[in-house]
């Protein structure tokens, strides 16, 4: 997955180059505003990957992540409420790929905060 990291004086932003990934980009860039963390999502993925669970859900006020044995699905919680053109597209990713993206972003944020 191609991405860019934008750093300002007091913030860091990930920009995913694939326009279909705008929902994931928004979730990553705003996660600190919600009651979940990157670690919470990684923990849920690990539960499914290890076989401890067959299905997990976790979400923010704007997006839901469904994690199954085969893949993870990220979708806009305003589906069915807002016009389709106003929603972020639904994203399906391999669990390992999503975990890699989350860990990469977590590491980038930690390094930025140390500066």
N, C-alpha and C. Protein backbone atom coordinates (compact mmCIF):
# COMPACT_ATOMS: atom_id res chain seq x y z
N UNK A 1 0.85 -1.17 0.00
CA UNK A 1 0.00 0.00 0.00
C UNK A 1 0.89 1.24 0.00
N UNK A 2 0.63 2.13 -0.90
CA UNK A 2 1.42 3.36 -1.00
C UNK A 2 0.81 4.43 -0.11
N UNK A 3 1.67 5.13 0.59
CA UNK A 3 1.22 6.17 1.52
C UNK A 3 2.31 7.23 1.66
N UNK A 4 1.90 8.36 2.21
CA UNK A 4 2.81 9.44 2.54
C UNK A 4 2.52 9.85 3.97
N UNK A 5 3.54 10.29 4.66
CA UNK A 5 3.38 10.81 6.01
C UNK A 5 3.63 12.31 5.95
N UNK A 6 2.68 13.07 6.44
CA UNK A 6 2.82 14.53 6.48
C UNK A 6 3.00 14.95 7.93
N UNK A 7 4.08 15.66 8.20
CA UNK A 7 4.36 16.12 9.56
C UNK A 7 4.36 17.64 9.60
N UNK A 8 3.58 18.17 10.52
CA UNK A 8 3.60 19.60 10.81
C UNK A 8 4.26 19.76 12.16
N UNK A 9 4.29 20.95 12.67
CA UNK A 9 4.90 21.19 13.97
C UNK A 9 4.27 20.39 15.09
N UNK A 10 2.94 20.27 15.08
CA UNK A 10 2.27 19.60 16.18
C UNK A 10 1.35 18.46 15.78
N UNK A 11 1.44 18.01 14.52
CA UNK A 11 0.57 16.91 14.10
C UNK A 11 1.24 16.05 13.03
N UNK A 12 0.72 14.85 12.91
CA UNK A 12 1.18 13.91 11.90
C UNK A 12 -0.05 13.33 11.22
N UNK A 13 0.02 13.18 9.91
CA UNK A 13 -1.11 12.70 9.12
C UNK A 13 -0.61 11.65 8.13
N UNK A 14 -1.38 10.59 7.97
CA UNK A 14 -1.07 9.60 6.95
C UNK A 14 -1.99 9.85 5.77
N UNK A 15 -1.42 9.78 4.58
CA UNK A 15 -2.19 9.97 3.35
C UNK A 15 -2.04 8.70 2.53
N UNK A 16 -3.12 7.96 2.40
CA UNK A 16 -3.13 6.74 1.61
C UNK A 16 -3.42 7.11 0.16
N UNK A 17 -2.57 6.66 -0.74
CA UNK A 17 -2.67 7.12 -2.13
C UNK A 17 -3.86 6.53 -2.88
N UNK A 18 -4.37 5.38 -2.45
CA UNK A 18 -5.52 4.78 -3.11
C UNK A 18 -6.79 5.49 -2.62
N UNK A 19 -7.52 6.17 -3.50
CA UNK A 19 -8.72 6.91 -3.08
C UNK A 19 -9.79 6.02 -2.43
N UNK A 20 -9.79 4.73 -2.72
CA UNK A 20 -10.75 3.83 -2.10
C UNK A 20 -10.49 3.65 -0.61
N UNK A 21 -9.29 4.02 -0.16
CA UNK A 21 -8.89 3.84 1.23
C UNK A 21 -9.16 5.08 2.09
N UNK A 22 -9.95 6.01 1.59
CA UNK A 22 -10.20 7.26 2.31
C UNK A 22 -10.83 6.99 3.68
N UNK A 23 -11.67 5.98 3.80
CA UNK A 23 -12.28 5.67 5.08
C UNK A 23 -11.25 5.20 6.11
N UNK A 24 -10.31 4.38 5.68
CA UNK A 24 -9.24 3.93 6.57
C UNK A 24 -8.33 5.10 6.92
N UNK A 25 -8.03 5.93 5.95
CA UNK A 25 -7.20 7.12 6.20
C UNK A 25 -7.86 8.01 7.24
N UNK A 26 -9.14 8.24 7.09
CA UNK A 26 -9.87 9.08 8.05
C UNK A 26 -9.87 8.46 9.44
N UNK A 27 -10.07 7.15 9.51
CA UNK A 27 -10.06 6.47 10.80
C UNK A 27 -8.69 6.61 11.47
N UNK A 28 -7.62 6.38 10.73
CA UNK A 28 -6.27 6.47 11.29
C UNK A 28 -5.95 7.89 11.77
N UNK A 29 -6.35 8.87 11.00
CA UNK A 29 -6.01 10.26 11.33
C UNK A 29 -6.87 10.85 12.44
N UNK A 30 -7.99 10.23 12.73
CA UNK A 30 -8.88 10.79 13.76
C UNK A 30 -9.07 9.86 14.96
N UNK A 31 -8.36 8.75 15.00
CA UNK A 31 -8.60 7.74 16.04
C UNK A 31 -8.43 8.30 17.45
N UNK A 32 -7.56 9.27 17.63
CA UNK A 32 -7.34 9.84 18.95
C UNK A 32 -8.57 10.59 19.48
N UNK A 33 -9.52 10.87 18.62
CA UNK A 33 -10.74 11.57 19.03
C UNK A 33 -11.80 10.61 19.58
N UNK A 34 -11.57 9.31 19.43
CA UNK A 34 -12.59 8.32 19.78
C UNK A 34 -12.18 7.49 20.99
N UNK A 35 -13.07 6.63 21.42
CA UNK A 35 -12.84 5.81 22.60
C UNK A 35 -12.13 4.50 22.28
N UNK A 36 -11.49 4.41 21.13
CA UNK A 36 -10.71 3.23 20.77
C UNK A 36 -9.31 3.67 20.40
N UNK A 37 -8.39 2.72 20.43
CA UNK A 37 -7.01 3.03 20.06
C UNK A 37 -6.54 2.06 18.99
N UNK A 38 -5.39 2.35 18.42
CA UNK A 38 -4.78 1.43 17.46
C UNK A 38 -4.53 0.09 18.14
N UNK A 39 -4.08 0.13 19.39
CA UNK A 39 -3.84 -1.12 20.13
C UNK A 39 -5.11 -1.94 20.30
N UNK A 40 -6.24 -1.28 20.51
CA UNK A 40 -7.52 -1.99 20.65
C UNK A 40 -7.85 -2.76 19.36
N UNK A 41 -7.64 -2.11 18.23
CA UNK A 41 -7.94 -2.75 16.94
C UNK A 41 -6.97 -3.90 16.70
N UNK A 42 -5.68 -3.67 16.95
CA UNK A 42 -4.67 -4.72 16.77
C UNK A 42 -4.98 -5.92 17.66
N UNK A 43 -5.41 -5.66 18.89
CA UNK A 43 -5.78 -6.74 19.81
C UNK A 43 -6.92 -7.59 19.25
N UNK A 44 -7.92 -6.93 18.68
CA UNK A 44 -9.06 -7.66 18.10
C UNK A 44 -8.60 -8.52 16.91
N UNK A 45 -7.73 -7.96 16.07
CA UNK A 45 -7.20 -8.73 14.93
C UNK A 45 -6.43 -9.94 15.45
N UNK A 46 -5.59 -9.74 16.45
CA UNK A 46 -4.81 -10.84 17.02
C UNK A 46 -5.70 -11.94 17.60
N UNK A 47 -6.81 -11.55 18.20
CA UNK A 47 -7.75 -12.54 18.75
C UNK A 47 -8.28 -13.45 17.64
N UNK A 48 -8.59 -12.86 16.49
CA UNK A 48 -9.10 -13.65 15.37
C UNK A 48 -7.98 -14.46 14.73
N UNK A 49 -6.82 -13.85 14.52
CA UNK A 49 -5.71 -14.56 13.89
C UNK A 49 -5.25 -15.77 14.73
N UNK A 50 -5.31 -15.64 16.04
CA UNK A 50 -4.87 -16.72 16.93
C UNK A 50 -5.91 -17.83 17.08
N UNK A 51 -7.12 -17.58 16.63
CA UNK A 51 -8.19 -18.55 16.78
C UNK A 51 -8.95 -18.41 18.09
N UNK A 52 -8.56 -17.45 18.92
CA UNK A 52 -9.26 -17.21 20.18
C UNK A 52 -10.71 -16.78 19.93
N UNK A 53 -10.93 -16.13 18.80
CA UNK A 53 -12.26 -15.67 18.41
C UNK A 53 -12.43 -15.89 16.91
N UNK A 54 -13.67 -16.07 16.48
CA UNK A 54 -13.95 -16.23 15.05
C UNK A 54 -14.38 -14.92 14.40
N UNK A 55 -14.84 -13.98 15.24
CA UNK A 55 -15.35 -12.72 14.70
C UNK A 55 -15.27 -11.65 15.79
N UNK A 56 -14.78 -10.48 15.41
CA UNK A 56 -14.71 -9.34 16.33
C UNK A 56 -15.18 -8.09 15.61
N UNK A 57 -15.74 -7.17 16.37
CA UNK A 57 -16.14 -5.86 15.86
C UNK A 57 -15.56 -4.79 16.77
N UNK A 58 -15.17 -3.71 16.17
CA UNK A 58 -14.73 -2.55 16.94
C UNK A 58 -14.99 -1.32 16.08
N UNK A 59 -15.36 -0.23 16.69
CA UNK A 59 -15.66 0.95 15.88
C UNK A 59 -15.53 2.24 16.63
N UNK A 60 -15.54 3.29 15.84
CA UNK A 60 -15.55 4.65 16.37
C UNK A 60 -16.96 5.19 16.17
N UNK A 61 -17.12 6.48 16.37
CA UNK A 61 -18.42 7.07 16.14
C UNK A 61 -18.74 7.21 14.65
N UNK A 62 -17.74 6.96 13.79
CA UNK A 62 -17.94 7.14 12.36
C UNK A 62 -17.75 5.88 11.53
N UNK A 63 -16.96 4.93 12.02
CA UNK A 63 -16.64 3.74 11.22
C UNK A 63 -16.67 2.49 12.07
N UNK A 64 -16.97 1.37 11.42
CA UNK A 64 -16.98 0.07 12.08
C UNK A 64 -15.99 -0.84 11.36
N UNK A 65 -15.28 -1.66 12.15
CA UNK A 65 -14.37 -2.65 11.60
C UNK A 65 -14.91 -4.01 12.03
N UNK A 66 -15.18 -4.87 11.04
CA UNK A 66 -15.58 -6.24 11.29
C UNK A 66 -14.41 -7.13 10.92
N UNK A 67 -13.97 -7.96 11.85
CA UNK A 67 -12.81 -8.81 11.63
C UNK A 67 -13.27 -10.26 11.67
N UNK A 68 -13.12 -10.94 10.54
CA UNK A 68 -13.48 -12.35 10.46
C UNK A 68 -12.22 -13.16 10.15
N UNK A 69 -12.36 -14.46 10.09
CA UNK A 69 -11.21 -15.32 9.81
C UNK A 69 -10.55 -14.98 8.47
N UNK A 70 -11.33 -14.58 7.49
CA UNK A 70 -10.79 -14.38 6.14
C UNK A 70 -10.32 -12.96 5.86
N UNK A 71 -10.97 -11.97 6.48
CA UNK A 71 -10.60 -10.58 6.17
C UNK A 71 -11.22 -9.62 7.17
N UNK A 72 -10.85 -8.36 7.01
CA UNK A 72 -11.44 -7.27 7.80
C UNK A 72 -12.20 -6.35 6.86
N UNK A 73 -13.34 -5.90 7.32
CA UNK A 73 -14.17 -4.98 6.54
C UNK A 73 -14.34 -3.70 7.34
N UNK A 74 -14.07 -2.57 6.71
CA UNK A 74 -14.23 -1.26 7.34
C UNK A 74 -15.33 -0.53 6.57
N UNK A 75 -16.34 -0.09 7.30
CA UNK A 75 -17.43 0.62 6.62
C UNK A 75 -17.90 1.81 7.42
N UNK A 76 -18.54 2.71 6.73
CA UNK A 76 -19.06 3.96 7.28
C UNK A 76 -20.33 3.66 8.08
N UNK A 77 -20.39 4.12 9.32
CA UNK A 77 -21.57 3.88 10.15
C UNK A 77 -22.78 4.69 9.72
N UNK A 78 -22.59 5.63 8.82
CA UNK A 78 -23.71 6.43 8.35
C UNK A 78 -24.36 5.81 7.11
N UNK A 79 -23.94 4.57 6.77
CA UNK A 79 -24.54 3.84 5.67
C UNK A 79 -26.04 3.68 5.94
N UNK A 80 -26.86 4.01 4.95
CA UNK A 80 -28.30 3.94 5.11
C UNK A 80 -28.92 5.21 5.67
N UNK A 81 -28.07 6.12 6.17
CA UNK A 81 -28.55 7.39 6.72
C UNK A 81 -28.25 8.53 5.76
N UNK A 82 -27.01 8.56 5.29
CA UNK A 82 -26.58 9.59 4.35
C UNK A 82 -26.68 9.07 2.92
N UNK A 83 -26.68 9.99 2.00
CA UNK A 83 -26.64 9.64 0.59
C UNK A 83 -25.34 8.88 0.30
N UNK A 84 -25.41 7.92 -0.58
CA UNK A 84 -24.25 7.09 -0.94
C UNK A 84 -23.03 7.92 -1.33
N UNK A 85 -23.25 9.05 -1.99
CA UNK A 85 -22.14 9.89 -2.44
C UNK A 85 -21.40 10.57 -1.28
N UNK A 86 -22.01 10.60 -0.11
CA UNK A 86 -21.40 11.24 1.05
C UNK A 86 -20.65 10.26 1.95
N UNK A 87 -20.75 8.97 1.65
CA UNK A 87 -20.15 7.93 2.48
C UNK A 87 -18.74 7.58 2.02
N UNK A 88 -17.92 7.12 2.96
CA UNK A 88 -16.64 6.54 2.60
C UNK A 88 -16.91 5.14 2.03
N UNK A 89 -16.16 4.74 1.01
CA UNK A 89 -16.39 3.40 0.45
C UNK A 89 -16.03 2.31 1.47
N UNK A 90 -16.75 1.20 1.40
CA UNK A 90 -16.43 0.04 2.23
C UNK A 90 -15.11 -0.55 1.75
N UNK A 91 -14.27 -0.94 2.70
CA UNK A 91 -12.93 -1.45 2.41
C UNK A 91 -12.83 -2.87 2.95
N UNK A 92 -12.30 -3.78 2.16
CA UNK A 92 -11.99 -5.12 2.63
C UNK A 92 -10.49 -5.34 2.50
N UNK A 93 -9.87 -5.76 3.59
CA UNK A 93 -8.43 -6.01 3.62
C UNK A 93 -8.15 -7.33 4.29
N UNK A 94 -7.07 -7.95 3.88
CA UNK A 94 -6.56 -9.12 4.58
C UNK A 94 -6.22 -8.69 6.01
N UNK A 95 -6.48 -9.54 6.98
CA UNK A 95 -6.22 -9.19 8.38
C UNK A 95 -4.77 -8.81 8.64
N UNK A 96 -3.85 -9.55 8.05
CA UNK A 96 -2.42 -9.24 8.24
C UNK A 96 -2.07 -7.88 7.63
N UNK A 97 -2.66 -7.57 6.47
CA UNK A 97 -2.40 -6.28 5.82
C UNK A 97 -2.90 -5.14 6.69
N UNK A 98 -4.11 -5.28 7.22
CA UNK A 98 -4.64 -4.23 8.10
C UNK A 98 -3.78 -4.10 9.35
N UNK A 99 -3.39 -5.21 9.93
CA UNK A 99 -2.54 -5.18 11.12
C UNK A 99 -1.21 -4.48 10.81
N UNK A 100 -0.63 -4.78 9.65
CA UNK A 100 0.63 -4.13 9.25
C UNK A 100 0.46 -2.62 9.13
N UNK A 101 -0.63 -2.18 8.53
CA UNK A 101 -0.90 -0.74 8.37
C UNK A 101 -1.06 -0.09 9.74
N UNK A 102 -1.82 -0.72 10.63
CA UNK A 102 -2.03 -0.18 11.96
C UNK A 102 -0.73 -0.08 12.74
N UNK A 103 0.09 -1.12 12.66
CA UNK A 103 1.37 -1.11 13.38
C UNK A 103 2.32 -0.07 12.81
N UNK A 104 2.33 0.08 11.49
CA UNK A 104 3.16 1.09 10.85
C UNK A 104 2.75 2.48 11.35
N UNK A 105 1.45 2.75 11.34
CA UNK A 105 0.94 4.05 11.76
C UNK A 105 1.22 4.29 13.24
N UNK A 106 1.04 3.25 14.05
CA UNK A 106 1.32 3.35 15.49
C UNK A 106 2.79 3.72 15.71
N UNK A 107 3.70 3.06 14.99
CA UNK A 107 5.13 3.36 15.12
C UNK A 107 5.47 4.77 14.65
N UNK A 108 4.88 5.20 13.55
CA UNK A 108 5.10 6.56 13.05
C UNK A 108 4.66 7.59 14.09
N UNK A 109 3.48 7.38 14.68
CA UNK A 109 2.96 8.30 15.69
C UNK A 109 3.85 8.33 16.93
N UNK A 110 4.30 7.17 17.37
CA UNK A 110 5.17 7.10 18.54
C UNK A 110 6.49 7.84 18.30
N UNK A 111 7.07 7.65 17.12
CA UNK A 111 8.31 8.34 16.79
C UNK A 111 8.10 9.85 16.74
N UNK A 112 6.99 10.27 16.17
CA UNK A 112 6.69 11.69 16.07
C UNK A 112 6.52 12.31 17.46
N UNK A 113 5.85 11.60 18.35
CA UNK A 113 5.59 12.11 19.69
C UNK A 113 6.86 12.22 20.53
N UNK A 114 7.88 11.43 20.19
CA UNK A 114 9.16 11.49 20.91
C UNK A 114 9.97 12.73 20.54
N UNK A 115 9.65 13.32 19.41
CA UNK A 115 10.42 14.47 18.93
C UNK A 115 10.09 15.72 19.71
